[in-house]
């Protein structure tokens, strides 16, 4: 069986009680950019956020869905990634104006907020956390978030090109100091030497061997990351019916046609006047209760 092109692969430094993950997004990252034409600095931010989102979701203690957002008042107003518990990923970046080359996170986003929403199966309400955006990179911002919310130190390294997004994550476990008082400091310093091209090009086993050659690394099976959000015209039709005929016809009269854009899933739905006539003249049949024999 061939390995997935996009995946999250966990590992454990067994003698040190330090865990981690390697994320690689290939075909999924290509799909997320399809027909988007993001300027490279915007695409780089979104690709890194996509890798982080897959990483978080794969490491949740309870299965759930994650929405990771950054909102700001700069050129880039919104970065949002949605990742289901099956690591089905979709993403969108909203920006206005000319994007300068080689621009950092804060220059693009301005003053902003980082928001994580976790919808855990079995819980009545999603968990939501909103914190001010700190640092000038996705990695620095997320590390700051972890420092506020987690008890254990962690490190994150990200890289992204037009073809691939990648991440390396490390976290110190509670028993690490008892194993080796200097272990976390040593491993973190070694990870700091990782280069972008190593993150993007090396297979996880090779990458970890190069970084932590003296350590006992246990590598777990990779979890595939996918992008599968097919068009759902019936859902859009149901939404239009819920809006009401008067409102829909008002929009149609103003624009001559009705266009619904689903930015997150990257689908566009167009409705001509004849389709609107048919939509409201032929309402859906009510559900028929089952017949008992």
Foldseek 3Di string as FASTA:
>chain_A
DDAFQWWKWKKALVLQQKIKIKTKDFVALLVQCPPPPDDWVQSWQLLQVLRVLLVVQQPDPFHWKKKKWKAADFQWGIWIWIQHNLQAIWIFTDGDDDDDPPAWQCNGRPWIKIKMWIGGPPDPGIDIDIDTQDDGGPQVRVQVVCVVPPPWHKGKDWADDSGMIMMMIMTHDPCRCVSPVCVVVQLVVLVVPDDRCCSHPPDPVVSCCVSCVPTDMDIDGIRHHHHDDDDDVVVVLVVVVVVPLVVVVVVCVVPVWDWDADRRSGDIDIGHPVRSVCSVVDDDDDDDDDDDD
